[in-house]
PDB file of N, CA and C in Angstrom:
ATOM      1  N   UNK A   1     149.833 173.967 168.856  1.00  0.00           N
ATOM      2  CA  UNK A   1     150.757 174.338 167.775  1.00  0.00           C
ATOM      3  C   UNK A   1     151.788 175.286 168.589  1.00  0.00           C
ATOM      4  N   UNK A   2     151.451 176.029 169.426  1.00  0.00           N
ATOM      5  CA  UNK A   2     152.400 176.871 170.203  1.00  0.00           C
ATOM      6  C   UNK A   2     153.592 176.074 170.807  1.00  0.00           C
ATOM      7  N   UNK A   3     153.038 174.943 171.503  1.00  0.00           N
ATOM      8  CA  UNK A   3     154.057 174.009 172.185  1.00  0.00           C
ATOM      9  C   UNK A   3     154.947 173.392 171.297  1.00  0.00           C
ATOM     10  N   UNK A   4     154.556 173.257 169.980  1.00  0.00           N
ATOM     11  CA  UNK A   4     155.440 172.537 169.026  1.00  0.00           C
ATOM     12  C   UNK A   4     156.240 173.490 168.179  1.00  0.00           C
ATOM     13  N   UNK A   5     155.928 174.822 168.245  1.00  0.00           N
ATOM     14  CA  UNK A   5     156.546 175.812 167.413  1.00  0.00           C
ATOM     15  C   UNK A   5     158.043 175.809 167.370  1.00  0.00           C
ATOM     16  N   UNK A   6     158.674 175.523 168.588  1.00  0.00           N
ATOM     17  CA  UNK A   6     160.156 175.521 168.597  1.00  0.00           C
ATOM     18  C   UNK A   6     160.739 174.182 168.337  1.00  0.00           C
ATOM     19  N   UNK A   7     160.020 173.223 167.787  1.00  0.00           N
ATOM     20  CA  UNK A   7     160.571 171.966 167.431  1.00  0.00           C
ATOM     21  C   UNK A   7     160.697 171.793 165.953  1.00  0.00           C
ATOM     22  N   UNK A   8     161.870 172.118 165.350  1.00  0.00           N
ATOM     23  CA  UNK A   8     162.070 172.021 163.821  1.00  0.00           C
ATOM     24  C   UNK A   8     161.960 170.703 163.220  1.00  0.00           C
ATOM     25  N   UNK A   9     162.132 169.648 164.041  1.00  0.00           N
ATOM     26  CA  UNK A   9     162.016 168.298 163.426  1.00  0.00           C
ATOM     27  C   UNK A   9     160.613 167.692 163.366  1.00  0.00           C
ATOM     28  N   UNK A  10     159.602 168.486 163.881  1.00  0.00           N
ATOM     29  CA  UNK A  10     158.185 168.021 163.767  1.00  0.00           C
ATOM     30  C   UNK A  10     157.534 168.843 162.719  1.00  0.00           C
ATOM     31  N   UNK A  11     157.018 168.130 161.654  1.00  0.00           N
ATOM     32  CA  UNK A  11     156.241 168.771 160.609  1.00  0.00           C
ATOM     33  C   UNK A  11     154.857 169.265 161.139  1.00  0.00           C
ATOM     34  N   UNK A  12     154.395 170.480 161.008  1.00  0.00           N
ATOM     35  CA  UNK A  12     153.175 170.947 161.529  1.00  0.00           C
ATOM     36  C   UNK A  12     152.350 171.449 160.442  1.00  0.00           C
ATOM     37  N   UNK A  13     151.033 170.866 160.315  1.00  0.00           N
ATOM     38  CA  UNK A  13     150.157 171.288 159.327  1.00  0.00           C
ATOM     39  C   UNK A  13     148.843 171.827 160.015  1.00  0.00           C
ATOM     40  N   UNK A  14     148.109 172.800 159.412  1.00  0.00           N
ATOM     41  CA  UNK A  14     146.865 173.172 160.047  1.00  0.00           C
ATOM     42  C   UNK A  14     145.807 173.209 158.929  1.00  0.00           C
ATOM     43  N   UNK A  15     144.622 172.712 159.344  1.00  0.00           N
ATOM     44  CA  UNK A  15     143.511 172.655 158.371  1.00  0.00           C
ATOM     45  C   UNK A  15     142.783 174.016 158.386  1.00  0.00           C
ATOM     46  N   UNK A  16     142.221 174.259 157.267  1.00  0.00           N
ATOM     47  CA  UNK A  16     141.456 175.519 157.164  1.00  0.00           C
ATOM     48  C   UNK A  16     140.105 175.331 157.776  1.00  0.00           C
ATOM     49  N   UNK A  17     139.364 176.357 158.167  1.00  0.00           N
ATOM     50  CA  UNK A  17     138.019 176.228 158.751  1.00  0.00           C
ATOM     51  C   UNK A  17     137.873 177.209 159.825  1.00  0.00           C
ATOM     52  N   UNK A  18     136.844 177.012 160.649  1.00  0.00           N
ATOM     53  CA  UNK A  18     136.522 177.885 161.809  1.00  0.00           C
ATOM     54  C   UNK A  18     137.076 177.190 163.120  1.00  0.00           C
ATOM     55  N   UNK A  19     137.716 177.978 164.005  1.00  0.00           N
ATOM     56  CA  UNK A  19     138.151 177.467 165.248  1.00  0.00           C
ATOM     57  C   UNK A  19     137.082 177.459 166.269  1.00  0.00           C
ATOM     58  N   UNK A  20     136.901 176.327 166.929  1.00  0.00           N
ATOM     59  CA  UNK A  20     135.829 176.133 167.849  1.00  0.00           C
ATOM     60  C   UNK A  20     136.401 176.396 169.292  1.00  0.00           C
ATOM     61  N   UNK A  21     136.032 177.417 169.945  1.00  0.00           N
ATOM     62  CA  UNK A  21     136.595 177.675 171.224  1.00  0.00           C
ATOM     63  C   UNK A  21     136.389 176.598 172.351  1.00  0.00           C
ATOM     64  N   UNK A  22     135.335 175.853 172.267  1.00  0.00           N
ATOM     65  CA  UNK A  22     135.034 174.815 173.234  1.00  0.00           C
ATOM     66  C   UNK A  22     135.829 173.567 173.025  1.00  0.00           C
ATOM     67  N   UNK A  23     135.811 173.074 171.785  1.00  0.00           N
ATOM     68  CA  UNK A  23     136.501 171.807 171.475  1.00  0.00           C
ATOM     69  C   UNK A  23     138.019 172.064 171.004  1.00  0.00           C
ATOM     70  N   UNK A  24     138.353 173.250 170.718  1.00  0.00           N
ATOM     71  CA  UNK A  24     139.680 173.610 170.295  1.00  0.00           C
ATOM     72  C   UNK A  24     140.017 172.862 169.060  1.00  0.00           C
ATOM     73  N   UNK A  25     139.007 172.675 168.164  1.00  0.00           N
ATOM     74  CA  UNK A  25     139.224 172.059 166.844  1.00  0.00           C
ATOM     75  C   UNK A  25     138.835 173.028 165.856  1.00  0.00           C
ATOM     76  N   UNK A  26     139.319 172.754 164.614  1.00  0.00           N
ATOM     77  CA  UNK A  26     139.040 173.549 163.428  1.00  0.00           C
ATOM     78  C   UNK A  26     137.954 172.750 162.744  1.00  0.00           C
ATOM     79  N   UNK A  27     136.883 173.379 162.492  1.00  0.00           N
ATOM     80  CA  UNK A  27     135.723 172.708 162.018  1.00  0.00           C
ATOM     81  C   UNK A  27     135.190 173.392 160.745  1.00  0.00           C
ATOM     82  N   UNK A  28     134.337 172.679 160.019  1.00  0.00           N
ATOM     83  CA  UNK A  28     133.597 173.325 158.908  1.00  0.00           C
ATOM     84  C   UNK A  28     133.850 172.575 157.579  1.00  0.00           C
ATOM     85  N   UNK A  29     133.087 172.893 156.489  1.00  0.00           N
ATOM     86  CA  UNK A  29     133.029 172.277 155.221  1.00  0.00           C
ATOM     87  C   UNK A  29     134.465 172.277 154.677  1.00  0.00           C
ATOM     88  N   UNK A  30     135.172 173.341 154.834  1.00  0.00           N
ATOM     89  CA  UNK A  30     136.597 173.450 154.259  1.00  0.00           C
ATOM     90  C   UNK A  30     137.433 172.438 154.929  1.00  0.00           C
ATOM     91  N   UNK A  31     137.268 172.246 156.229  1.00  0.00           N
ATOM     92  CA  UNK A  31     138.062 171.294 156.976  1.00  0.00           C
ATOM     93  C   UNK A  31     137.900 169.815 156.385  1.00  0.00           C
ATOM     94  N   UNK A  32     136.542 169.484 156.203  1.00  0.00           N
ATOM     95  CA  UNK A  32     136.195 168.178 155.756  1.00  0.00           C
ATOM     96  C   UNK A  32     136.755 167.902 154.378  1.00  0.00           C
ATOM     97  N   UNK A  33     136.671 168.999 153.504  1.00  0.00           N
ATOM     98  CA  UNK A  33     137.255 168.737 152.239  1.00  0.00           C
ATOM     99  C   UNK A  33     138.713 168.506 152.132  1.00  0.00           C
ATOM    100  N   UNK A  34     139.395 169.155 153.060  1.00  0.00           N
ATOM    101  CA  UNK A  34     140.928 168.919 153.163  1.00  0.00           C
ATOM    102  C   UNK A  34     141.204 167.579 153.763  1.00  0.00           C
ATOM    103  N   UNK A  35     140.442 167.155 154.706  1.00  0.00           N
ATOM    104  CA  UNK A  35     140.611 165.795 155.283  1.00  0.00           C
ATOM    105  C   UNK A  35     140.545 164.684 154.245  1.00  0.00           C
ATOM    106  N   UNK A  36     139.650 164.898 153.308  1.00  0.00           N
ATOM    107  CA  UNK A  36     139.437 163.923 152.301  1.00  0.00           C
ATOM    108  C   UNK A  36     140.686 163.708 151.397  1.00  0.00           C
ATOM    109  N   UNK A  37     141.594 164.570 151.419  1.00  0.00           N
ATOM    110  CA  UNK A  37     142.860 164.468 150.728  1.00  0.00           C
ATOM    111  C   UNK A  37     143.954 163.787 151.465  1.00  0.00           C
ATOM    112  N   UNK A  38     143.677 163.541 152.691  1.00  0.00           N
ATOM    113  CA  UNK A  38     144.700 162.851 153.538  1.00  0.00           C
ATOM    114  C   UNK A  38     144.484 161.296 153.612  1.00  0.00           C
ATOM    115  N   UNK A  39     145.551 160.544 153.735  1.00  0.00           N
ATOM    116  CA  UNK A  39     145.507 159.089 154.107  1.00  0.00           C
ATOM    117  C   UNK A  39     146.290 158.882 155.298  1.00  0.00           C
ATOM    118  N   UNK A  40     145.599 158.481 156.398  1.00  0.00           N
ATOM    119  CA  UNK A  40     146.344 158.283 157.761  1.00  0.00           C
ATOM    120  C   UNK A  40     146.412 156.857 158.089  1.00  0.00           C
ATOM    121  N   UNK A  41     147.473 156.470 158.776  1.00  0.00           N
ATOM    122  CA  UNK A  41     147.537 155.188 159.278  1.00  0.00           C
ATOM    123  C   UNK A  41     146.763 154.938 160.526  1.00  0.00           C
ATOM    124  N   UNK A  42     146.636 156.019 161.345  1.00  0.00           N
ATOM    125  CA  UNK A  42     145.935 155.997 162.574  1.00  0.00           C
ATOM    126  C   UNK A  42     145.241 157.355 162.825  1.00  0.00           C
ATOM    127  N   UNK A  43     144.071 157.309 163.288  1.00  0.00           N
ATOM    128  CA  UNK A  43     143.347 158.543 163.710  1.00  0.00           C
ATOM    129  C   UNK A  43     143.028 158.360 165.152  1.00  0.00           C
ATOM    130  N   UNK A  44     143.419 159.343 166.009  1.00  0.00           N
ATOM    131  CA  UNK A  44     143.104 159.271 167.436  1.00  0.00           C
ATOM    132  C   UNK A  44     141.958 160.342 167.650  1.00  0.00           C
ATOM    133  N   UNK A  45     140.834 159.727 168.058  1.00  0.00           N
ATOM    134  CA  UNK A  45     139.609 160.583 168.175  1.00  0.00           C
ATOM    135  C   UNK A  45     139.155 160.662 169.658  1.00  0.00           C
ATOM    136  N   UNK A  46     139.090 161.870 170.115  1.00  0.00           N
ATOM    137  CA  UNK A  46     138.455 162.153 171.519  1.00  0.00           C
ATOM    138  C   UNK A  46     137.029 162.090 171.420  1.00  0.00           C
ATOM    139  N   UNK A  47     136.408 161.527 172.463  1.00  0.00           N
ATOM    140  CA  UNK A  47     134.958 161.333 172.414  1.00  0.00           C
ATOM    141  C   UNK A  47     134.269 162.150 173.492  1.00  0.00           C
ATOM    142  N   UNK A  48     133.166 162.815 173.139  1.00  0.00           N
ATOM    143  CA  UNK A  48     132.365 163.480 174.019  1.00  0.00           C
ATOM    144  C   UNK A  48     131.297 162.690 174.644  1.00  0.00           C
ATOM    145  N   UNK A  49     130.764 161.632 173.870  1.00  0.00           N
ATOM    146  CA  UNK A  49     129.783 160.721 174.355  1.00  0.00           C
ATOM    147  C   UNK A  49     129.817 159.355 173.563  1.00  0.00           C
ATOM    148  N   UNK A  50     129.668 158.361 174.258  1.00  0.00           N
ATOM    149  CA  UNK A  50     129.642 157.071 173.631  1.00  0.00           C
ATOM    150  C   UNK A  50     128.583 156.120 174.162  1.00  0.00           C
ATOM    151  N   UNK A  51     127.779 155.385 173.279  1.00  0.00           N
ATOM    152  CA  UNK A  51     126.625 154.675 173.710  1.00  0.00           C
ATOM    153  C   UNK A  51     126.538 153.515 172.781  1.00  0.00           C
ATOM    154  N   UNK A  52     125.488 152.719 172.870  1.00  0.00           N
ATOM    155  CA  UNK A  52     125.306 151.566 172.044  1.00  0.00           C
ATOM    156  C   UNK A  52     125.254 151.979 170.572  1.00  0.00           C
ATOM    157  N   UNK A  53     124.971 153.211 170.295  1.00  0.00           N
ATOM    158  CA  UNK A  53     124.831 153.744 168.884  1.00  0.00           C
ATOM    159  C   UNK A  53     126.121 154.168 168.357  1.00  0.00           C
ATOM    160  N   UNK A  54     127.156 154.314 169.180  1.00  0.00           N
ATOM    161  CA  UNK A  54     128.472 154.699 168.720  1.00  0.00           C
ATOM    162  C   UNK A  54     128.804 156.083 169.372  1.00  0.00           C
ATOM    163  N   UNK A  55     129.589 156.868 168.594  1.00  0.00           N
ATOM    164  CA  UNK A  55     129.934 158.228 169.030  1.00  0.00           C
ATOM    165  C   UNK A  55     128.985 159.302 168.654  1.00  0.00           C
ATOM    166  N   UNK A  56     128.662 160.180 169.626  1.00  0.00           N
ATOM    167  CA  UNK A  56     127.864 161.306 169.329  1.00  0.00           C
ATOM    168  C   UNK A  56     128.559 162.590 169.898  1.00  0.00           C
ATOM    169  N   UNK A  57     128.224 163.734 169.322  1.00  0.00           N
ATOM    170  CA  UNK A  57     128.756 165.012 169.715  1.00  0.00           C
ATOM    171  C   UNK A  57     127.694 166.027 169.796  1.00  0.00           C
ATOM    172  N   UNK A  58     127.974 167.288 170.357  1.00  0.00           N
ATOM    173  CA  UNK A  58     127.003 168.229 170.481  1.00  0.00           C
ATOM    174  C   UNK A  58     127.042 169.243 169.305  1.00  0.00           C
ATOM    175  N   UNK A  59     127.971 169.085 168.388  1.00  0.00           N
ATOM    176  CA  UNK A  59     128.077 169.929 167.197  1.00  0.00           C
ATOM    177  C   UNK A  59     128.055 169.019 166.001  1.00  0.00           C
ATOM    178  N   UNK A  60     127.218 169.432 165.018  1.00  0.00           N
ATOM    179  CA  UNK A  60     127.189 168.701 163.752  1.00  0.00           C
ATOM    180  C   UNK A  60     128.520 168.771 162.965  1.00  0.00           C
ATOM    181  N   UNK A  61     129.154 169.825 163.005  1.00  0.00           N
ATOM    182  CA  UNK A  61     130.451 170.001 162.364  1.00  0.00           C
ATOM    183  C   UNK A  61     131.518 169.170 163.071  1.00  0.00           C
ATOM    184  N   UNK A  62     131.544 168.915 164.299  1.00  0.00           N
ATOM    185  CA  UNK A  62     132.396 168.142 165.048  1.00  0.00           C
ATOM    186  C   UNK A  62     132.216 166.643 164.662  1.00  0.00           C
ATOM    187  N   UNK A  63     130.894 166.222 164.664  1.00  0.00           N
ATOM    188  CA  UNK A  63     130.517 164.882 164.182  1.00  0.00           C
ATOM    189  C   UNK A  63     131.054 164.506 162.839  1.00  0.00           C
ATOM    190  N   UNK A  64     130.854 165.529 161.949  1.00  0.00           N
ATOM    191  CA  UNK A  64     131.317 165.268 160.509  1.00  0.00           C
ATOM    192  C   UNK A  64     132.825 165.195 160.428  1.00  0.00           C
ATOM    193  N   UNK A  65     133.515 166.065 161.229  1.00  0.00           N
ATOM    194  CA  UNK A  65     134.958 166.008 161.267  1.00  0.00           C
ATOM    195  C   UNK A  65     135.532 164.642 161.708  1.00  0.00           C
ATOM    196  N   UNK A  66     134.951 164.126 162.852  1.00  0.00           N
ATOM    197  CA  UNK A  66     135.369 162.825 163.324  1.00  0.00           C
ATOM    198  C   UNK A  66     135.182 161.681 162.357  1.00  0.00           C
ATOM    199  N   UNK A  67     134.005 161.756 161.794  1.00  0.00           N
ATOM    200  CA  UNK A  67     133.678 160.686 160.757  1.00  0.00           C
ATOM    201  C   UNK A  67     134.579 160.790 159.520  1.00  0.00           C
ATOM    202  N   UNK A  68     134.793 162.031 159.093  1.00  0.00           N
ATOM    203  CA  UNK A  68     135.665 162.158 157.871  1.00  0.00           C
ATOM    204  C   UNK A  68     137.073 161.602 158.136  1.00  0.00           C
ATOM    205  N   UNK A  69     137.627 161.935 159.359  1.00  0.00           N
ATOM    206  CA  UNK A  69     138.979 161.507 159.667  1.00  0.00           C
ATOM    207  C   UNK A  69     138.948 159.994 159.721  1.00  0.00           C
ATOM    208  N   UNK A  70     137.915 159.369 160.312  1.00  0.00           N
ATOM    209  CA  UNK A  70     137.851 157.951 160.536  1.00  0.00           C
ATOM    210  C   UNK A  70     137.802 157.321 159.160  1.00  0.00           C
ATOM    211  N   UNK A  71     137.054 157.934 158.284  1.00  0.00           N
ATOM    212  CA  UNK A  71     137.099 157.294 156.822  1.00  0.00           C
ATOM    213  C   UNK A  71     138.349 157.302 156.090  1.00  0.00           C
ATOM    214  N   UNK A  72     139.238 158.251 156.450  1.00  0.00           N
ATOM    215  CA  UNK A  72     140.486 158.481 155.806  1.00  0.00           C
ATOM    216  C   UNK A  72     141.564 157.702 156.537  1.00  0.00           C
ATOM    217  N   UNK A  73     141.338 157.007 157.563  1.00  0.00           N
ATOM    218  CA  UNK A  73     142.351 156.293 158.354  1.00  0.00           C
ATOM    219  C   UNK A  73     142.205 154.769 158.273  1.00  0.00           C
ATOM    220  N   UNK A  74     143.333 154.189 158.310  1.00  0.00           N
ATOM    221  CA  UNK A  74     143.330 152.651 158.296  1.00  0.00           C
ATOM    222  C   UNK A  74     142.894 152.142 159.680  1.00  0.00           C
ATOM    223  N   UNK A  75     143.236 152.834 160.729  1.00  0.00           N
ATOM    224  CA  UNK A  75     142.810 152.370 162.082  1.00  0.00           C
ATOM    225  C   UNK A  75     142.311 153.594 162.884  1.00  0.00           C
ATOM    226  N   UNK A  76     141.158 153.450 163.512  1.00  0.00           N
ATOM    227  CA  UNK A  76     140.532 154.409 164.299  1.00  0.00           C
ATOM    228  C   UNK A  76     140.668 154.081 165.848  1.00  0.00           C
ATOM    229  N   UNK A  77     141.387 154.957 166.559  1.00  0.00           N
ATOM    230  CA  UNK A  77     141.510 154.735 167.928  1.00  0.00           C
ATOM    231  C   UNK A  77     140.732 155.923 168.696  1.00  0.00           C
ATOM    232  N   UNK A  78     139.751 155.430 169.526  1.00  0.00           N
ATOM    233  CA  UNK A  78     138.888 156.324 170.258  1.00  0.00           C
ATOM    234  C   UNK A  78     139.464 156.446 171.678  1.00  0.00           C
ATOM    235  N   UNK A  79     139.646 157.578 172.157  1.00  0.00           N
ATOM    236  CA  UNK A  79     140.103 157.787 173.495  1.00  0.00           C
ATOM    237  C   UNK A  79     138.893 158.454 174.275  1.00  0.00           C
ATOM    238  N   UNK A  80     138.539 157.684 175.406  1.00  0.00           N
ATOM    239  CA  UNK A  80     137.284 158.099 176.150  1.00  0.00           C
ATOM    240  C   UNK A  80     137.516 157.757 177.636  1.00  0.00           C
ATOM    241  N   UNK A  81     137.063 158.737 178.389  1.00  0.00           N
ATOM    242  CA  UNK A  81     137.095 158.531 179.896  1.00  0.00           C
ATOM    243  C   UNK A  81     135.752 157.939 180.306  1.00  0.00           C
ATOM    244  N   UNK A  82     135.733 157.268 181.491  1.00  0.00           N
ATOM    245  CA  UNK A  82     134.552 156.503 181.812  1.00  0.00           C
ATOM    246  C   UNK A  82     133.327 157.381 182.000  1.00  0.00           C
ATOM    247  N   UNK A  83     133.421 158.683 182.173  1.00  0.00           N
ATOM    248  CA  UNK A  83     132.242 159.548 182.455  1.00  0.00           C
ATOM    249  C   UNK A  83     131.403 159.671 181.135  1.00  0.00           C
ATOM    250  N   UNK A  84     132.003 159.325 180.030  1.00  0.00           N
ATOM    251  CA  UNK A  84     131.315 159.472 178.760  1.00  0.00           C
ATOM    252  C   UNK A  84     130.505 158.219 178.323  1.00  0.00           C
ATOM    253  N   UNK A  85     130.690 157.136 179.126  1.00  0.00           N
ATOM    254  CA  UNK A  85     129.909 155.912 178.785  1.00  0.00           C
ATOM    255  C   UNK A  85     128.389 156.094 178.984  1.00  0.00           C
ATOM    256  N   UNK A  86     127.659 155.529 178.050  1.00  0.00           N
ATOM    257  CA  UNK A  86     126.156 155.567 178.140  1.00  0.00           C
ATOM    258  C   UNK A  86     125.677 157.026 178.169  1.00  0.00           C
ATOM    259  N   UNK A  87     126.430 157.905 177.527  1.00  0.00           N
ATOM    260  CA  UNK A  87     125.910 159.226 177.281  1.00  0.00           C
ATOM    261  C   UNK A  87     125.692 159.422 175.812  1.00  0.00           C
ATOM    262  N   UNK A  88     124.798 160.263 175.463  1.00  0.00           N
ATOM    263  CA  UNK A  88     124.471 160.494 174.078  1.00  0.00           C
ATOM    264  C   UNK A  88     124.170 162.010 173.854  1.00  0.00           C
ATOM    265  N   UNK A  89     124.765 162.462 172.741  1.00  0.00           N
ATOM    266  CA  UNK A  89     124.576 163.952 172.339  1.00  0.00           C
ATOM    267  C   UNK A  89     123.824 163.958 171.111  1.00  0.00           C
ATOM    268  N   UNK A  90     123.505 165.105 170.585  1.00  0.00           N
ATOM    269  CA  UNK A  90     122.535 165.283 169.527  1.00  0.00           C
ATOM    270  C   UNK A  90     122.973 164.706 168.084  1.00  0.00           C
ATOM    271  N   UNK A  91     124.329 164.844 167.783  1.00  0.00           N
ATOM    272  CA  UNK A  91     124.709 164.438 166.339  1.00  0.00           C
ATOM    273  C   UNK A  91     125.474 163.115 166.390  1.00  0.00           C
ATOM    274  N   UNK A  92     125.018 162.150 165.481  1.00  0.00           N
ATOM    275  CA  UNK A  92     125.698 160.975 165.338  1.00  0.00           C
ATOM    276  C   UNK A  92     126.990 161.171 164.592  1.00  0.00           C
ATOM    277  N   UNK A  93     128.143 160.546 165.059  1.00  0.00           N
ATOM    278  CA  UNK A  93     129.336 160.678 164.317  1.00  0.00           C
ATOM    279  C   UNK A  93     129.745 159.172 163.909  1.00  0.00           C
ATOM    280  N   UNK A  94     130.807 158.580 164.400  1.00  0.00           N
ATOM    281  CA  UNK A  94     131.236 157.227 164.108  1.00  0.00           C
ATOM    282  C   UNK A  94     130.254 156.153 164.701  1.00  0.00           C
ATOM    283  N   UNK A  95     130.002 155.220 163.884  1.00  0.00           N
ATOM    284  CA  UNK A  95     129.223 153.947 164.465  1.00  0.00           C
ATOM    285  C   UNK A  95     130.329 153.049 164.910  1.00  0.00           C
ATOM    286  N   UNK A  96     129.830 151.954 165.558  1.00  0.00           N
ATOM    287  CA  UNK A  96     130.867 150.972 166.083  1.00  0.00           C
ATOM    288  C   UNK A  96     131.586 150.346 164.925  1.00  0.00           C
ATOM    289  N   UNK A  97     131.014 150.211 163.780  1.00  0.00           N
ATOM    290  CA  UNK A  97     131.816 149.635 162.612  1.00  0.00           C
ATOM    291  C   UNK A  97     132.934 150.444 162.213  1.00  0.00           C
ATOM    292  N   UNK A  98     132.889 151.704 162.473  1.00  0.00           N
ATOM    293  CA  UNK A  98     133.984 152.633 162.159  1.00  0.00           C
ATOM    294  C   UNK A  98     135.200 152.590 163.118  1.00  0.00           C
ATOM    295  N   UNK A  99     135.047 151.947 164.265  1.00  0.00           N
ATOM    296  CA  UNK A  99     136.056 151.986 165.357  1.00  0.00           C
ATOM    297  C   UNK A  99     136.817 150.719 165.444  1.00  0.00           C
ATOM    298  N   UNK A 100     138.178 150.858 165.563  1.00  0.00           N
ATOM    299  CA  UNK A 100     139.059 149.785 165.771  1.00  0.00           C
ATOM    300  C   UNK A 100     139.506 149.476 167.183  1.00  0.00           C
ATOM    301  N   UNK A 101     139.792 150.555 167.953  1.00  0.00           N
ATOM    302  CA  UNK A 101     140.268 150.483 169.262  1.00  0.00           C
ATOM    303  C   UNK A 101     139.524 151.489 170.132  1.00  0.00           C
ATOM    304  N   UNK A 102     139.239 151.122 171.325  1.00  0.00           N
ATOM    305  CA  UNK A 102     138.764 152.058 172.410  1.00  0.00           C
ATOM    306  C   UNK A 102     139.763 152.030 173.617  1.00  0.00           C
ATOM    307  N   UNK A 103     140.372 153.144 173.854  1.00  0.00           N
ATOM    308  CA  UNK A 103     141.261 153.380 175.033  1.00  0.00           C
ATOM    309  C   UNK A 103     140.512 154.089 176.066  1.00  0.00           C
ATOM    310  N   UNK A 104     140.487 153.532 177.288  1.00  0.00           N
ATOM    311  CA  UNK A 104     139.677 154.109 178.380  1.00  0.00           C
ATOM    312  C   UNK A 104     140.306 153.991 179.708  1.00  0.00           C
ATOM    313  N   UNK A 105     139.897 154.641 180.786  1.00  0.00           N
ATOM    314  CA  UNK A 105     140.480 154.629 182.092  1.00  0.00           C
ATOM    315  C   UNK A 105     139.756 153.542 182.959  1.00  0.00           C
ATOM    316  N   UNK A 106     138.621 152.949 182.430  1.00  0.00           N
ATOM    317  CA  UNK A 106     137.883 152.023 183.315  1.00  0.00           C
ATOM    318  C   UNK A 106     137.038 151.063 182.292  1.00  0.00           C
ATOM    319  N   UNK A 107     136.886 149.847 182.846  1.00  0.00           N
ATOM    320  CA  UNK A 107     136.029 148.962 182.057  1.00  0.00           C
ATOM    321  C   UNK A 107     134.680 149.501 181.752  1.00  0.00           C
ATOM    322  N   UNK A 108     134.221 149.505 180.509  1.00  0.00           N
ATOM    323  CA  UNK A 108     132.863 150.049 180.168  1.00  0.00           C
ATOM    324  C   UNK A 108     131.789 149.236 180.811  1.00  0.00           C
ATOM    325  N   UNK A 109     130.549 149.725 180.793  1.00  0.00           N
ATOM    326  CA  UNK A 109     129.424 148.948 181.258  1.00  0.00           C
ATOM    327  C   UNK A 109     129.148 147.787 180.251  1.00  0.00           C
ATOM    328  N   UNK A 110     128.482 146.824 180.674  1.00  0.00           N
ATOM    329  CA  UNK A 110     128.288 145.587 179.889  1.00  0.00           C
ATOM    330  C   UNK A 110     127.670 145.842 178.546  1.00  0.00           C
ATOM    331  N   UNK A 111     126.697 146.793 178.452  1.00  0.00           N
ATOM    332  CA  UNK A 111     126.038 147.035 177.106  1.00  0.00           C
ATOM    333  C   UNK A 111     127.100 147.627 176.101  1.00  0.00           C
ATOM    334  N   UNK A 112     128.039 148.384 176.631  1.00  0.00           N
ATOM    335  CA  UNK A 112     129.054 148.872 175.779  1.00  0.00           C
ATOM    336  C   UNK A 112     130.135 147.841 175.373  1.00  0.00           C
ATOM    337  N   UNK A 113     130.523 146.958 176.362  1.00  0.00           N
ATOM    338  CA  UNK A 113     131.318 145.890 176.118  1.00  0.00           C
ATOM    339  C   UNK A 113     130.763 144.925 175.065  1.00  0.00           C
ATOM    340  N   UNK A 114     129.456 144.705 175.122  1.00  0.00           N
ATOM    341  CA  UNK A 114     128.771 143.882 174.198  1.00  0.00           C
ATOM    342  C   UNK A 114     128.985 144.463 172.761  1.00  0.00           C
ATOM    343  N   UNK A 115     128.898 145.762 172.573  1.00  0.00           N
ATOM    344  CA  UNK A 115     129.024 146.429 171.275  1.00  0.00           C
ATOM    345  C   UNK A 115     130.516 146.257 170.743  1.00  0.00           C
ATOM    346  N   UNK A 116     131.426 146.436 171.786  1.00  0.00           N
ATOM    347  CA  UNK A 116     132.864 146.330 171.458  1.00  0.00           C
ATOM    348  C   UNK A 116     133.151 144.860 170.925  1.00  0.00           C
ATOM    349  N   UNK A 117     132.649 143.891 171.631  1.00  0.00           N
ATOM    350  CA  UNK A 117     132.789 142.526 171.299  1.00  0.00           C
ATOM    351  C   UNK A 117     132.145 142.180 169.942  1.00  0.00           C
ATOM    352  N   UNK A 118     130.888 142.667 169.760  1.00  0.00           N
ATOM    353  CA  UNK A 118     130.088 142.426 168.522  1.00  0.00           C
ATOM    354  C   UNK A 118     130.786 142.920 167.307  1.00  0.00           C
ATOM    355  N   UNK A 119     131.501 144.084 167.393  1.00  0.00           N
ATOM    356  CA  UNK A 119     132.086 144.692 166.198  1.00  0.00           C
ATOM    357  C   UNK A 119     133.625 144.478 166.180  1.00  0.00           C
ATOM    358  N   UNK A 120     134.161 143.590 167.017  1.00  0.00           N
ATOM    359  CA  UNK A 120     135.539 143.246 166.951  1.00  0.00           C
ATOM    360  C   UNK A 120     136.545 144.454 167.323  1.00  0.00           C
ATOM    361  N   UNK A 121     136.021 145.295 168.225  1.00  0.00           N
ATOM    362  CA  UNK A 121     136.864 146.473 168.623  1.00  0.00           C
ATOM    363  C   UNK A 121     137.767 146.056 169.694  1.00  0.00           C
ATOM    364  N   UNK A 122     138.934 146.394 169.641  1.00  0.00           N
ATOM    365  CA  UNK A 122     139.936 146.109 170.741  1.00  0.00           C
ATOM    366  C   UNK A 122     139.697 147.104 171.872  1.00  0.00           C
ATOM    367  N   UNK A 123     139.732 146.593 173.037  1.00  0.00           N
ATOM    368  CA  UNK A 123     139.524 147.490 174.299  1.00  0.00           C
ATOM    369  C   UNK A 123     140.804 147.496 175.055  1.00  0.00           C
ATOM    370  N   UNK A 124     141.331 148.748 175.317  1.00  0.00           N
ATOM    371  CA  UNK A 124     142.630 148.916 176.086  1.00  0.00           C
ATOM    372  C   UNK A 124     142.162 149.808 177.270  1.00  0.00           C
ATOM    373  N   UNK A 125     142.363 149.138 178.504  1.00  0.00           N
ATOM    374  CA  UNK A 125     142.069 149.916 179.719  1.00  0.00           C
ATOM    375  C   UNK A 125     143.353 150.414 180.330  1.00  0.00           C
ATOM    376  N   UNK A 126     143.465 151.639 180.501  1.00  0.00           N
ATOM    377  CA  UNK A 126     144.680 152.359 181.070  1.00  0.00           C
ATOM    378  C   UNK A 126     144.293 152.879 182.402  1.00  0.00           C
ATOM    379  N   UNK A 127     144.973 152.294 183.415  1.00  0.00           N
ATOM    380  CA  UNK A 127     144.703 152.858 184.761  1.00  0.00           C
ATOM    381  C   UNK A 127     145.739 153.817 185.238  1.00  0.00           C
ATOM    382  N   UNK A 128     145.360 154.870 185.912  1.00  0.00           N
ATOM    383  CA  UNK A 128     146.354 155.741 186.337  1.00  0.00           C
ATOM    384  C   UNK A 128     146.870 155.231 187.786  1.00  0.00           C
ATOM    385  N   UNK A 129     148.084 155.542 188.171  1.00  0.00           N
ATOM    386  CA  UNK A 129     148.665 155.000 189.395  1.00  0.00           C
ATOM    387  C   UNK A 129     148.445 156.017 190.460  1.00  0.00           C
TER     388      UNK A 129
END
């Protein structure tokens, strides 16, 4: 928000809830209730872990936040680097059926590619130069 504060042409909104120092996200029941009032064309979701079961996180509140935003969006774009493939954390968030696009820096392992294909998820590989 600080980086955008001097840009008057960009509308800025902040959700209520508790700020998490690790994820830099605002989390909590209040946040989820506010998200339910939104309708988004696209949700960009950063991923801490992705496996055959979908997205998982280490915080229940973060898992609920990601899932709530996915449910309120027409298209869900998950952004994940290759170190997160075949990792799993404690709390289930989005399942493969909730995801439309995966953007990553490297082709996923075959078991993840199988889930991507099975659920009709678009895979976008972005390579740095």
